[in-house]
């Protein structure tokens, strides 16, 4: 029996959660921009997600159209801390331009996912409303 939500909606939710974690880390990096001992942190999850979904080259051809491998639910972000040695005295450990670029890219991706989720919920709501007639 299929659930109320398809696997692709659970995938969208998972990626939105991971993007939210990334945005919180970027915000933490920006909040510590003037702390000389702070090193920028990062999370990576895209490679793990692709592996969980079996999206290596050619794998998408073998899977039936519309099906999603549910291994993505076990994806956890990898946390990284940049440990570059500072050569220039007084240089901030967090690069403002880099953090803002990561934030902007992340926000765009998150908003696209939110739009997908909203459209799916609108369709589900329409089905529920028409089913009651």
C-alpha atoms as a PDB file:
ATOM      1  CA  UNK A   1       0.000   0.000   0.000  1.00  0.00           C
ATOM      2  CA  UNK A   2       1.345   3.403  -0.935  1.00  0.00           C
ATOM      3  CA  UNK A   3       1.448   6.155   1.603  1.00  0.00           C
ATOM      4  CA  UNK A   4      -0.145   9.563   1.308  1.00  0.00           C
ATOM      5  CA  UNK A   5       3.153  11.083   0.206  1.00  0.00           C
ATOM      6  CA  UNK A   6       5.284   9.704  -2.597  1.00  0.00           C
ATOM      7  CA  UNK A   7       8.970   9.007  -2.106  1.00  0.00           C
ATOM      8  CA  UNK A   8       9.895  12.067  -4.147  1.00  0.00           C
ATOM      9  CA  UNK A   9       8.151  14.303  -1.588  1.00  0.00           C
ATOM     10  CA  UNK A  10      10.139  12.659   1.196  1.00  0.00           C
ATOM     11  CA  UNK A  11      13.258  13.288  -0.888  1.00  0.00           C
ATOM     12  CA  UNK A  12      12.369  16.970  -1.284  1.00  0.00           C
ATOM     13  CA  UNK A  13      11.807  17.197   2.478  1.00  0.00           C
ATOM     14  CA  UNK A  14      15.167  15.538   3.213  1.00  0.00           C
ATOM     15  CA  UNK A  15      17.079  17.859   0.868  1.00  0.00           C
ATOM     16  CA  UNK A  16      15.281  20.899   2.324  1.00  0.00           C
ATOM     17  CA  UNK A  17      16.348  19.786   5.807  1.00  0.00           C
ATOM     18  CA  UNK A  18      19.966  19.390   4.676  1.00  0.00           C
ATOM     19  CA  UNK A  19      19.901  22.807   2.996  1.00  0.00           C
ATOM     20  CA  UNK A  20      18.538  24.340   6.202  1.00  0.00           C
ATOM     21  CA  UNK A  21      21.459  22.859   8.134  1.00  0.00           C
ATOM     22  CA  UNK A  22      23.843  24.327   5.542  1.00  0.00           C
ATOM     23  CA  UNK A  23      22.211  27.753   5.870  1.00  0.00           C
ATOM     24  CA  UNK A  24      22.546  27.640   9.657  1.00  0.00           C
ATOM     25  CA  UNK A  25      26.246  26.808   9.330  1.00  0.00           C
ATOM     26  CA  UNK A  26      26.783  29.706   6.911  1.00  0.00           C
ATOM     27  CA  UNK A  27      25.008  31.995   9.373  1.00  0.00           C
ATOM     28  CA  UNK A  28      27.295  30.725  12.136  1.00  0.00           C
ATOM     29  CA  UNK A  29      30.339  31.371   9.946  1.00  0.00           C
ATOM     30  CA  UNK A  30      29.154  34.922   9.266  1.00  0.00           C
ATOM     31  CA  UNK A  31      28.411  35.529  12.940  1.00  0.00           C
ATOM     32  CA  UNK A  32      32.017  34.621  13.758  1.00  0.00           C
ATOM     33  CA  UNK A  33      33.606  36.592  10.927  1.00  0.00           C
ATOM     34  CA  UNK A  34      35.585  38.829  13.295  1.00  0.00           C
ATOM     35  CA  UNK A  35      36.754  35.999  15.539  1.00  0.00           C
ATOM     36  CA  UNK A  36      40.359  35.352  14.439  1.00  0.00           C
ATOM     37  CA  UNK A  37      40.412  31.833  15.916  1.00  0.00           C
ATOM     38  CA  UNK A  38      37.250  30.701  14.140  1.00  0.00           C
ATOM     39  CA  UNK A  39      37.601  28.522  11.044  1.00  0.00           C
ATOM     40  CA  UNK A  40      34.751  28.333   8.544  1.00  0.00           C
ATOM     41  CA  UNK A  41      32.694  25.160   8.720  1.00  0.00           C
ATOM     42  CA  UNK A  42      31.012  23.370   5.817  1.00  0.00           C
ATOM     43  CA  UNK A  43      28.692  20.463   5.260  1.00  0.00           C
ATOM     44  CA  UNK A  44      28.631  18.270   2.196  1.00  0.00           C
ATOM     45  CA  UNK A  45      25.760  15.958   1.384  1.00  0.00           C
ATOM     46  CA  UNK A  46      25.340  15.997  -2.385  1.00  0.00           C
ATOM     47  CA  UNK A  47      27.691  13.083  -3.115  1.00  0.00           C
ATOM     48  CA  UNK A  48      26.147  10.905  -0.390  1.00  0.00           C
ATOM     49  CA  UNK A  49      22.680  11.765  -1.668  1.00  0.00           C
ATOM     50  CA  UNK A  50      23.598  10.836  -5.233  1.00  0.00           C
ATOM     51  CA  UNK A  51      25.086   7.560  -4.031  1.00  0.00           C
ATOM     52  CA  UNK A  52      21.982   6.799  -1.969  1.00  0.00           C
ATOM     53  CA  UNK A  53      19.773   7.479  -4.980  1.00  0.00           C
ATOM     54  CA  UNK A  54      22.072   5.461  -7.256  1.00  0.00           C
ATOM     55  CA  UNK A  55      22.509   8.438  -9.562  1.00  0.00           C
ATOM     56  CA  UNK A  56      25.899   7.432 -10.863  1.00  0.00           C
ATOM     57  CA  UNK A  57      26.182   7.533 -14.634  1.00  0.00           C
ATOM     58  CA  UNK A  58      23.750   5.143 -16.271  1.00  0.00           C
ATOM     59  CA  UNK A  59      21.949   4.161 -13.060  1.00  0.00           C
ATOM     60  CA  UNK A  60      18.956   6.393 -13.807  1.00  0.00           C
ATOM     61  CA  UNK A  61      18.324   4.385 -16.974  1.00  0.00           C
ATOM     62  CA  UNK A  62      17.968   1.121 -15.051  1.00  0.00           C
ATOM     63  CA  UNK A  63      15.392   2.432 -12.584  1.00  0.00           C
ATOM     64  CA  UNK A  64      11.682   2.506 -13.535  1.00  0.00           C
ATOM     65  CA  UNK A  65      10.445   6.003 -14.360  1.00  0.00           C
ATOM     66  CA  UNK A  66       9.011   7.817 -11.329  1.00  0.00           C
ATOM     67  CA  UNK A  67      10.569   5.463  -8.777  1.00  0.00           C
ATOM     68  CA  UNK A  68      12.970   6.704  -6.110  1.00  0.00           C
ATOM     69  CA  UNK A  69      15.421   4.622  -4.113  1.00  0.00           C
ATOM     70  CA  UNK A  70      14.511   5.284  -0.455  1.00  0.00           C
ATOM     71  CA  UNK A  71      18.106   4.914   0.785  1.00  0.00           C
ATOM     72  CA  UNK A  72      18.246   8.728   0.795  1.00  0.00           C
ATOM     73  CA  UNK A  73      16.569   8.773   4.221  1.00  0.00           C
ATOM     74  CA  UNK A  74      19.838   7.594   5.781  1.00  0.00           C
ATOM     75  CA  UNK A  75      21.926  10.451   4.292  1.00  0.00           C
ATOM     76  CA  UNK A  76      23.677  12.533   6.941  1.00  0.00           C
ATOM     77  CA  UNK A  77      25.771  15.616   6.200  1.00  0.00           C
ATOM     78  CA  UNK A  78      29.553  15.492   6.500  1.00  0.00           C
ATOM     79  CA  UNK A  79      30.863  18.395   8.549  1.00  0.00           C
ATOM     80  CA  UNK A  80      34.127  19.992   7.449  1.00  0.00           C
ATOM     81  CA  UNK A  81      36.237  22.639   9.061  1.00  0.00           C
ATOM     82  CA  UNK A  82      38.624  24.574   6.875  1.00  0.00           C
ATOM     83  CA  UNK A  83      42.079  24.468   8.433  1.00  0.00           C
ATOM     84  CA  UNK A  84      44.051  26.678   6.062  1.00  0.00           C
ATOM     85  CA  UNK A  85      47.015  28.366   7.671  1.00  0.00           C
ATOM     86  CA  UNK A  86      46.639  32.135   7.749  1.00  0.00           C
ATOM     87  CA  UNK A  87      49.604  33.793   6.132  1.00  0.00           C
ATOM     88  CA  UNK A  88      48.448  37.419   6.134  1.00  0.00           C
ATOM     89  CA  UNK A  89      48.304  38.971   9.587  1.00  0.00           C
ATOM     90  CA  UNK A  90      44.823  40.254  10.430  1.00  0.00           C
ATOM     91  CA  UNK A  91      43.035  38.393   7.632  1.00  0.00           C
ATOM     92  CA  UNK A  92      39.656  37.086   8.745  1.00  0.00           C
ATOM     93  CA  UNK A  93      39.289  33.323   8.983  1.00  0.00           C
ATOM     94  CA  UNK A  94      35.880  33.577   7.286  1.00  0.00           C
ATOM     95  CA  UNK A  95      35.654  34.990   3.754  1.00  0.00           C
ATOM     96  CA  UNK A  96      32.552  37.211   3.559  1.00  0.00           C
ATOM     97  CA  UNK A  97      32.209  36.971  -0.234  1.00  0.00           C
ATOM     98  CA  UNK A  98      32.517  33.193  -0.204  1.00  0.00           C
ATOM     99  CA  UNK A  99      29.957  32.815   2.578  1.00  0.00           C
ATOM    100  CA  UNK A 100      27.496  35.149   0.854  1.00  0.00           C
ATOM    101  CA  UNK A 101      27.857  33.241  -2.431  1.00  0.00           C
ATOM    102  CA  UNK A 102      27.236  29.914  -0.667  1.00  0.00           C
ATOM    103  CA  UNK A 103      24.237  31.429   1.105  1.00  0.00           C
ATOM    104  CA  UNK A 104      22.736  32.824  -2.114  1.00  0.00           C
ATOM    105  CA  UNK A 105      23.143  29.514  -3.952  1.00  0.00           C
ATOM    106  CA  UNK A 106      21.649  27.625  -1.021  1.00  0.00           C
ATOM    107  CA  UNK A 107      18.668  29.996  -0.750  1.00  0.00           C
ATOM    108  CA  UNK A 108      17.911  29.626  -4.474  1.00  0.00           C
ATOM    109  CA  UNK A 109      17.967  25.830  -4.228  1.00  0.00           C
ATOM    110  CA  UNK A 110      15.857  25.853  -1.056  1.00  0.00           C
ATOM    111  CA  UNK A 111      13.266  28.174  -2.637  1.00  0.00           C
ATOM    112  CA  UNK A 112      13.040  25.916  -5.699  1.00  0.00           C
ATOM    113  CA  UNK A 113      12.414  22.934  -3.435  1.00  0.00           C
ATOM    114  CA  UNK A 114       9.817  24.896  -1.455  1.00  0.00           C
ATOM    115  CA  UNK A 115       8.019  25.739  -4.708  1.00  0.00           C
ATOM    116  CA  UNK A 116       7.951  22.065  -5.675  1.00  0.00           C
ATOM    117  CA  UNK A 117       6.578  21.138  -2.254  1.00  0.00           C
ATOM    118  CA  UNK A 118       3.950  23.895  -2.378  1.00  0.00           C
ATOM    119  CA  UNK A 119       2.732  22.783  -5.823  1.00  0.00           C
ATOM    120  CA  UNK A 120       2.482  19.173  -4.655  1.00  0.00           C
ATOM    121  CA  UNK A 121       0.496  20.247  -1.585  1.00  0.00           C
ATOM    122  CA  UNK A 122      -1.795  22.404  -3.771  1.00  0.00           C
ATOM    123  CA  UNK A 123      -2.489  19.396  -6.000  1.00  0.00           C
ATOM    124  CA  UNK A 124      -3.164  17.199  -2.974  1.00  0.00           C
ATOM    125  CA  UNK A 125      -5.517  19.828  -1.547  1.00  0.00           C
ATOM    126  CA  UNK A 126      -7.361  20.039  -4.853  1.00  0.00           C
ATOM    127  CA  UNK A 127      -7.800  16.263  -4.938  1.00  0.00           C
ATOM    128  CA  UNK A 128      -9.160  16.300  -1.375  1.00  0.00           C
ATOM    129  CA  UNK A 129     -11.587  19.132  -2.160  1.00  0.00           C
ATOM    130  CA  UNK A 130     -12.855  17.459  -5.342  1.00  0.00           C
ATOM    131  CA  UNK A 131     -13.135  14.097  -3.604  1.00  0.00           C
ATOM    132  CA  UNK A 132     -15.642  15.513  -1.134  1.00  0.00           C
ATOM    133  CA  UNK A 133     -18.091  16.502  -3.870  1.00  0.00           C
END
